[in-house]
Amino acid sequence: MGKRGRLMLKVTINENLCKGCEMCVIACPKKIIELNKGKINAKGYNPVHIVDESKCTGCASCAVMCPDVVITLED
């Protein structure tokens, strides 16, 4: 359990499959996902990354919106 008794979830992004469409960036209510402009993946895109995982509420909006299913949430 994390802060205030809520279950802490780990967000995993498969950066090599991310095409940088930013649907997850738009969907995140905490605005903690952004393009990693300093990195290019195997497909030639800037993948997204979490800038502050401690602020994640585990709502899974990012995973639901991802058209390529590159985001997963785990216990």
PDB file of N, CA and C in Angstrom:
ATOM      1  N   MET A   1       0.844  -1.186   0.000  1.00  0.00           N
ATOM      2  CA  MET A   1       0.000   0.000   0.000  1.00  0.00           C
ATOM      3  C   MET A   1       0.890   1.250   0.000  1.00  0.00           C
ATOM      4  N   GLY A   2       0.420   2.252  -0.683  1.00  0.00           N
ATOM      5  CA  GLY A   2       1.160   3.500  -0.780  1.00  0.00           C
ATOM      6  C   GLY A   2       0.529   4.568   0.085  1.00  0.00           C
ATOM      7  N   LYS A   3       0.664   5.783  -0.360  1.00  0.00           N
ATOM      8  CA  LYS A   3       0.107   6.924   0.353  1.00  0.00           C
ATOM      9  C   LYS A   3      -1.392   6.790   0.508  1.00  0.00           C
ATOM     10  N   ARG A   4      -1.884   7.180   1.634  1.00  0.00           N
ATOM     11  CA  ARG A   4      -3.318   7.185   1.926  1.00  0.00           C
ATOM     12  C   ARG A   4      -3.977   5.834   1.695  1.00  0.00           C
ATOM     13  N   GLY A   5      -3.223   4.727   1.844  1.00  0.00           N
ATOM     14  CA  GLY A   5      -3.788   3.399   1.760  1.00  0.00           C
ATOM     15  C   GLY A   5      -4.129   2.904   0.372  1.00  0.00           C
ATOM     16  N   ARG A   6      -3.761   3.633  -0.666  1.00  0.00           N
ATOM     17  CA  ARG A   6      -4.091   3.169  -2.012  1.00  0.00           C
ATOM     18  C   ARG A   6      -3.010   2.223  -2.520  1.00  0.00           C
ATOM     19  N   LEU A   7      -3.403   1.308  -3.358  1.00  0.00           N
ATOM     20  CA  LEU A   7      -2.496   0.344  -3.955  1.00  0.00           C
ATOM     21  C   LEU A   7      -1.587   1.062  -4.942  1.00  0.00           C
ATOM     22  N   MET A   8      -0.288   0.827  -4.835  1.00  0.00           N
ATOM     23  CA  MET A   8       0.663   1.459  -5.739  1.00  0.00           C
ATOM     24  C   MET A   8       0.824   0.591  -6.988  1.00  0.00           C
ATOM     25  N   LEU A   9       0.601   1.174  -8.134  1.00  0.00           N
ATOM     26  CA  LEU A   9       0.729   0.466  -9.399  1.00  0.00           C
ATOM     27  C   LEU A   9       1.979   0.937 -10.123  1.00  0.00           C
ATOM     28  N   LYS A  10       2.612   0.022 -10.820  1.00  0.00           N
ATOM     29  CA  LYS A  10       3.782   0.367 -11.616  1.00  0.00           C
ATOM     30  C   LYS A  10       3.355   0.496 -13.071  1.00  0.00           C
ATOM     31  N   VAL A  11       3.675   1.622 -13.660  1.00  0.00           N
ATOM     32  CA  VAL A  11       3.374   1.861 -15.067  1.00  0.00           C
ATOM     33  C   VAL A  11       4.586   1.424 -15.886  1.00  0.00           C
ATOM     34  N   THR A  12       4.334   0.579 -16.886  1.00  0.00           N
ATOM     35  CA  THR A  12       5.403   0.116 -17.765  1.00  0.00           C
ATOM     36  C   THR A  12       5.064   0.539 -19.189  1.00  0.00           C
ATOM     37  N   ILE A  13       6.034   1.163 -19.838  1.00  0.00           N
ATOM     38  CA  ILE A  13       5.862   1.600 -21.226  1.00  0.00           C
ATOM     39  C   ILE A  13       6.879   0.854 -22.088  1.00  0.00           C
ATOM     40  N   ASN A  14       6.397   0.148 -23.089  1.00  0.00           N
ATOM     41  CA  ASN A  14       7.286  -0.517 -24.025  1.00  0.00           C
ATOM     42  C   ASN A  14       7.741   0.545 -25.028  1.00  0.00           C
ATOM     43  N   GLU A  15       8.855   1.185 -24.720  1.00  0.00           N
ATOM     44  CA  GLU A  15       9.328   2.314 -25.523  1.00  0.00           C
ATOM     45  C   GLU A  15       9.659   1.931 -26.962  1.00  0.00           C
ATOM     46  N   ASN A  16      10.058   0.685 -27.193  1.00  0.00           N
ATOM     47  CA  ASN A  16      10.403   0.277 -28.559  1.00  0.00           C
ATOM     48  C   ASN A  16       9.192   0.138 -29.467  1.00  0.00           C
ATOM     49  N   LEU A  17       7.995   0.000 -28.888  1.00  0.00           N
ATOM     50  CA  LEU A  17       6.779  -0.101 -29.697  1.00  0.00           C
ATOM     51  C   LEU A  17       5.993   1.209 -29.764  1.00  0.00           C
ATOM     52  N   CYS A  18       6.340   2.166 -28.916  1.00  0.00           N
ATOM     53  CA  CYS A  18       5.625   3.452 -28.866  1.00  0.00           C
ATOM     54  C   CYS A  18       5.893   4.254 -30.133  1.00  0.00           C
ATOM     55  N   LYS A  19       4.811   4.786 -30.725  1.00  0.00           N
ATOM     56  CA  LYS A  19       4.979   5.603 -31.931  1.00  0.00           C
ATOM     57  C   LYS A  19       4.834   7.100 -31.644  1.00  0.00           C
ATOM     58  N   GLY A  20       4.762   7.457 -30.364  1.00  0.00           N
ATOM     59  CA  GLY A  20       4.745   8.864 -29.987  1.00  0.00           C
ATOM     60  C   GLY A  20       3.505   9.623 -30.405  1.00  0.00           C
ATOM     61  N   CYS A  21       2.361   8.957 -30.450  1.00  0.00           N
ATOM     62  CA  CYS A  21       1.121   9.616 -30.898  1.00  0.00           C
ATOM     63  C   CYS A  21       0.574  10.603 -29.861  1.00  0.00           C
ATOM     64  N   GLU A  22       1.014  10.473 -28.627  1.00  0.00           N
ATOM     65  CA  GLU A  22       0.641  11.347 -27.507  1.00  0.00           C
ATOM     66  C   GLU A  22      -0.803  11.216 -27.036  1.00  0.00           C
ATOM     67  N   MET A  23      -1.493  10.148 -27.416  1.00  0.00           N
ATOM     68  CA  MET A  23      -2.855   9.926 -26.910  1.00  0.00           C
ATOM     69  C   MET A  23      -2.824   9.766 -25.389  1.00  0.00           C
ATOM     70  N   CYS A  24      -1.810   9.091 -24.871  1.00  0.00           N
ATOM     71  CA  CYS A  24      -1.681   8.910 -23.420  1.00  0.00           C
ATOM     72  C   CYS A  24      -1.373  10.231 -22.719  1.00  0.00           C
ATOM     73  N   VAL A  25      -0.605  11.079 -23.372  1.00  0.00           N
ATOM     74  CA  VAL A  25      -0.275  12.398 -22.811  1.00  0.00           C
ATOM     75  C   VAL A  25      -1.557  13.198 -22.615  1.00  0.00           C
ATOM     76  N   ILE A  26      -2.423  13.169 -23.611  1.00  0.00           N
ATOM     77  CA  ILE A  26      -3.698  13.891 -23.547  1.00  0.00           C
ATOM     78  C   ILE A  26      -4.618  13.286 -22.492  1.00  0.00           C
ATOM     79  N   ALA A  27      -4.593  11.956 -22.375  1.00  0.00           N
ATOM     80  CA  ALA A  27      -5.513  11.257 -21.468  1.00  0.00           C
ATOM     81  C   ALA A  27      -5.124  11.355 -20.002  1.00  0.00           C
ATOM     82  N   CYS A  28      -3.876  11.584 -19.695  1.00  0.00           N
ATOM     83  CA  CYS A  28      -3.409  11.577 -18.302  1.00  0.00           C
ATOM     84  C   CYS A  28      -3.945  12.784 -17.528  1.00  0.00           C
ATOM     85  N   PRO A  29      -4.770  12.530 -16.487  1.00  0.00           N
ATOM     86  CA  PRO A  29      -5.326  13.648 -15.718  1.00  0.00           C
ATOM     87  C   PRO A  29      -4.286  14.379 -14.868  1.00  0.00           C
ATOM     88  N   LYS A  30      -3.189  13.711 -14.558  1.00  0.00           N
ATOM     89  CA  LYS A  30      -2.127  14.321 -13.743  1.00  0.00           C
ATOM     90  C   LYS A  30      -1.041  14.987 -14.581  1.00  0.00           C
ATOM     91  N   LYS A  31      -1.117  14.813 -15.898  1.00  0.00           N
ATOM     92  CA  LYS A  31      -0.154  15.425 -16.838  1.00  0.00           C
ATOM     93  C   LYS A  31       1.293  15.051 -16.496  1.00  0.00           C
ATOM     94  N   ILE A  32       1.513  13.746 -16.251  1.00  0.00           N
ATOM     95  CA  ILE A  32       2.851  13.282 -15.895  1.00  0.00           C
ATOM     96  C   ILE A  32       3.499  12.441 -16.994  1.00  0.00           C
ATOM     97  N   ILE A  33       2.887  12.418 -18.166  1.00  0.00           N
ATOM     98  CA  ILE A  33       3.444  11.683 -19.300  1.00  0.00           C
ATOM     99  C   ILE A  33       3.816  12.698 -20.375  1.00  0.00           C
ATOM    100  N   GLU A  34       5.000  12.518 -20.940  1.00  0.00           N
ATOM    101  CA  GLU A  34       5.411  13.408 -22.029  1.00  0.00           C
ATOM    102  C   GLU A  34       6.325  12.663 -22.992  1.00  0.00           C
ATOM    103  N   LEU A  35       6.508  13.238 -24.176  1.00  0.00           N
ATOM    104  CA  LEU A  35       7.437  12.662 -25.141  1.00  0.00           C
ATOM    105  C   LEU A  35       8.857  12.799 -24.610  1.00  0.00           C
ATOM    106  N   ASN A  36       9.646  11.778 -24.817  1.00  0.00           N
ATOM    107  CA  ASN A  36      11.059  11.834 -24.465  1.00  0.00           C
ATOM    108  C   ASN A  36      11.804  12.310 -25.698  1.00  0.00           C
ATOM    109  N   LYS A  37      11.965  13.608 -25.817  1.00  0.00           N
ATOM    110  CA  LYS A  37      12.565  14.194 -27.020  1.00  0.00           C
ATOM    111  C   LYS A  37      14.058  13.917 -27.130  1.00  0.00           C
ATOM    112  N   GLY A  38      14.646  13.379 -26.065  1.00  0.00           N
ATOM    113  CA  GLY A  38      16.065  13.038 -26.097  1.00  0.00           C
ATOM    114  C   GLY A  38      16.326  11.597 -26.490  1.00  0.00           C
ATOM    115  N   LYS A  39      15.277  10.863 -26.856  1.00  0.00           N
ATOM    116  CA  LYS A  39      15.426   9.446 -27.186  1.00  0.00           C
ATOM    117  C   LYS A  39      14.639   9.111 -28.450  1.00  0.00           C
ATOM    118  N   ILE A  40      15.213   8.255 -29.273  1.00  0.00           N
ATOM    119  CA  ILE A  40      14.527   7.751 -30.460  1.00  0.00           C
ATOM    120  C   ILE A  40      14.523   6.233 -30.353  1.00  0.00           C
ATOM    121  N   ASN A  41      13.332   5.642 -30.535  1.00  0.00           N
ATOM    122  CA  ASN A  41      13.227   4.186 -30.395  1.00  0.00           C
ATOM    123  C   ASN A  41      13.592   3.462 -31.687  1.00  0.00           C
ATOM    124  N   ALA A  42      13.452   2.147 -31.676  1.00  0.00           N
ATOM    125  CA  ALA A  42      13.822   1.308 -32.824  1.00  0.00           C
ATOM    126  C   ALA A  42      13.016   1.630 -34.079  1.00  0.00           C
ATOM    127  N   LYS A  43      11.806   2.181 -33.894  1.00  0.00           N
ATOM    128  CA  LYS A  43      10.960   2.528 -35.037  1.00  0.00           C
ATOM    129  C   LYS A  43      11.218   3.956 -35.548  1.00  0.00           C
ATOM    130  N   GLY A  44      12.077   4.697 -34.855  1.00  0.00           N
ATOM    131  CA  GLY A  44      12.405   6.056 -35.272  1.00  0.00           C
ATOM    132  C   GLY A  44      11.535   7.132 -34.654  1.00  0.00           C
ATOM    133  N   TYR A  45      10.789   6.788 -33.605  1.00  0.00           N
ATOM    134  CA  TYR A  45       9.903   7.741 -32.930  1.00  0.00           C
ATOM    135  C   TYR A  45      10.451   8.147 -31.572  1.00  0.00           C
ATOM    136  N   ASN A  46      10.019   9.310 -31.106  1.00  0.00           N
ATOM    137  CA  ASN A  46      10.265   9.706 -29.729  1.00  0.00           C
ATOM    138  C   ASN A  46       9.209   9.019 -28.869  1.00  0.00           C
ATOM    139  N   PRO A  47       9.597   8.107 -27.986  1.00  0.00           N
ATOM    140  CA  PRO A  47       8.607   7.434 -27.144  1.00  0.00           C
ATOM    141  C   PRO A  47       8.191   8.321 -25.976  1.00  0.00           C
ATOM    142  N   VAL A  48       7.096   7.966 -25.342  1.00  0.00           N
ATOM    143  CA  VAL A  48       6.672   8.695 -24.152  1.00  0.00           C
ATOM    144  C   VAL A  48       7.362   8.116 -22.920  1.00  0.00           C
ATOM    145  N   HIS A  49       7.350   8.890 -21.848  1.00  0.00           N
ATOM    146  CA  HIS A  49       7.859   8.408 -20.572  1.00  0.00           C
ATOM    147  C   HIS A  49       7.116   9.117 -19.451  1.00  0.00           C
ATOM    148  N   ILE A  50       7.180   8.532 -18.271  1.00  0.00           N
ATOM    149  CA  ILE A  50       6.539   9.101 -17.081  1.00  0.00           C
ATOM    150  C   ILE A  50       7.542  10.038 -16.431  1.00  0.00           C
ATOM    151  N   VAL A  51       7.145  11.278 -16.182  1.00  0.00           N
ATOM    152  CA  VAL A  51       8.069  12.230 -15.582  1.00  0.00           C
ATOM    153  C   VAL A  51       8.059  12.184 -14.061  1.00  0.00           C
ATOM    154  N   ASP A  52       6.952  11.766 -13.445  1.00  0.00           N
ATOM    155  CA  ASP A  52       6.894  11.656 -11.986  1.00  0.00           C
ATOM    156  C   ASP A  52       5.906  10.561 -11.598  1.00  0.00           C
ATOM    157  N   GLU A  53       6.402   9.330 -11.523  1.00  0.00           N
ATOM    158  CA  GLU A  53       5.534   8.182 -11.253  1.00  0.00           C
ATOM    159  C   GLU A  53       4.871   8.260  -9.878  1.00  0.00           C
ATOM    160  N   SER A  54       5.451   9.020  -8.951  1.00  0.00           N
ATOM    161  CA  SER A  54       4.864   9.141  -7.615  1.00  0.00           C
ATOM    162  C   SER A  54       3.522   9.876  -7.643  1.00  0.00           C
ATOM    163  N   LYS A  55       3.259  10.622  -8.703  1.00  0.00           N
ATOM    164  CA  LYS A  55       1.989  11.344  -8.830  1.00  0.00           C
ATOM    165  C   LYS A  55       0.908  10.548  -9.558  1.00  0.00           C
ATOM    166  N   CYS A  56       1.279   9.360 -10.037  1.00  0.00           N
ATOM    167  CA  CYS A  56       0.331   8.518 -10.770  1.00  0.00           C
ATOM    168  C   CYS A  56      -0.745   7.985  -9.820  1.00  0.00           C
ATOM    169  N   THR A  57      -1.991   8.092 -10.230  1.00  0.00           N
ATOM    170  CA  THR A  57      -3.108   7.612  -9.413  1.00  0.00           C
ATOM    171  C   THR A  57      -3.543   6.196  -9.803  1.00  0.00           C
ATOM    172  N   GLY A  58      -2.972   5.660 -10.862  1.00  0.00           N
ATOM    173  CA  GLY A  58      -3.334   4.319 -11.310  1.00  0.00           C
ATOM    174  C   GLY A  58      -4.672   4.263 -12.019  1.00  0.00           C
ATOM    175  N   CYS A  59      -5.111   5.370 -12.580  1.00  0.00           N
ATOM    176  CA  CYS A  59      -6.424   5.424 -13.234  1.00  0.00           C
ATOM    177  C   CYS A  59      -6.475   4.619 -14.532  1.00  0.00           C
ATOM    178  N   ALA A  60      -5.327   4.341 -15.123  1.00  0.00           N
ATOM    179  CA  ALA A  60      -5.180   3.564 -16.354  1.00  0.00           C
ATOM    180  C   ALA A  60      -5.704   4.265 -17.607  1.00  0.00           C
ATOM    181  N   SER A  61      -5.970   5.544 -17.535  1.00  0.00           N
ATOM    182  CA  SER A  61      -6.420   6.286 -18.724  1.00  0.00           C
ATOM    183  C   SER A  61      -5.394   6.204 -19.846  1.00  0.00           C
ATOM    184  N   CYS A  62      -4.128   6.250 -19.485  1.00  0.00           N
ATOM    185  CA  CYS A  62      -3.070   6.179 -20.492  1.00  0.00           C
ATOM    186  C   CYS A  62      -3.097   4.840 -21.223  1.00  0.00           C
ATOM    187  N   ALA A  63      -3.233   3.756 -20.471  1.00  0.00           N
ATOM    188  CA  ALA A  63      -3.250   2.418 -21.065  1.00  0.00           C
ATOM    189  C   ALA A  63      -4.482   2.202 -21.937  1.00  0.00           C
ATOM    190  N   VAL A  64      -5.618   2.721 -21.497  1.00  0.00           N
ATOM    191  CA  VAL A  64      -6.859   2.570 -22.256  1.00  0.00           C
ATOM    192  C   VAL A  64      -6.782   3.338 -23.577  1.00  0.00           C
ATOM    193  N   MET A  65      -6.170   4.492 -23.563  1.00  0.00           N
ATOM    194  CA  MET A  65      -6.110   5.337 -24.763  1.00  0.00           C
ATOM    195  C   MET A  65      -5.032   4.918 -25.765  1.00  0.00           C
ATOM    196  N   CYS A  66      -4.042   4.156 -25.319  1.00  0.00           N
ATOM    197  CA  CYS A  66      -2.936   3.784 -26.195  1.00  0.00           C
ATOM    198  C   CYS A  66      -3.418   2.851 -27.312  1.00  0.00           C
ATOM    199  N   PRO A  67      -3.325   3.298 -28.579  1.00  0.00           N
ATOM    200  CA  PRO A  67      -3.819   2.462 -29.681  1.00  0.00           C
ATOM    201  C   PRO A  67      -2.943   1.243 -29.954  1.00  0.00           C
ATOM    202  N   ASP A  68      -1.721   1.250 -29.458  1.00  0.00           N
ATOM    203  CA  ASP A  68      -0.795   0.151 -29.713  1.00  0.00           C
ATOM    204  C   ASP A  68      -0.547  -0.724 -28.496  1.00  0.00           C
ATOM    205  N   VAL A  69      -1.258  -0.487 -27.423  1.00  0.00           N
ATOM    206  CA  VAL A  69      -1.189  -1.268 -26.188  1.00  0.00           C
ATOM    207  C   VAL A  69       0.248  -1.406 -25.689  1.00  0.00           C
ATOM    208  N   VAL A  70       0.956  -0.283 -25.622  1.00  0.00           N
ATOM    209  CA  VAL A  70       2.341  -0.314 -25.143  1.00  0.00           C
ATOM    210  C   VAL A  70       2.453   0.041 -23.661  1.00  0.00           C
ATOM    211  N   ILE A  71       1.333   0.425 -23.039  1.00  0.00           N
ATOM    212  CA  ILE A  71       1.340   0.815 -21.622  1.00  0.00           C
ATOM    213  C   ILE A  71       0.583  -0.219 -20.813  1.00  0.00           C
ATOM    214  N   THR A  72       1.222  -0.691 -19.752  1.00  0.00           N
ATOM    215  CA  THR A  72       0.572  -1.621 -18.829  1.00  0.00           C
ATOM    216  C   THR A  72       0.742  -1.113 -17.406  1.00  0.00           C
ATOM    217  N   LEU A  73      -0.211  -1.486 -16.549  1.00  0.00           N
ATOM    218  CA  LEU A  73      -0.125  -1.170 -15.126  1.00  0.00           C
ATOM    219  C   LEU A  73      -0.106  -2.484 -14.362  1.00  0.00           C
ATOM    220  N   GLU A  74       0.810  -2.565 -13.408  1.00  0.00           N
ATOM    221  CA  GLU A  74       0.968  -3.787 -12.618  1.00  0.00           C
ATOM    222  C   GLU A  74       1.002  -3.452 -11.138  1.00  0.00           C
ATOM    223  N   ASP A  75       0.625  -4.466 -10.325  1.00  0.00           N
ATOM    224  CA  ASP A  75       0.736  -4.308  -8.866  1.00  0.00           C
ATOM    225  C   ASP A  75       2.174  -4.259  -8.457  1.00  0.00           C
TER     226      ASP A  75
END
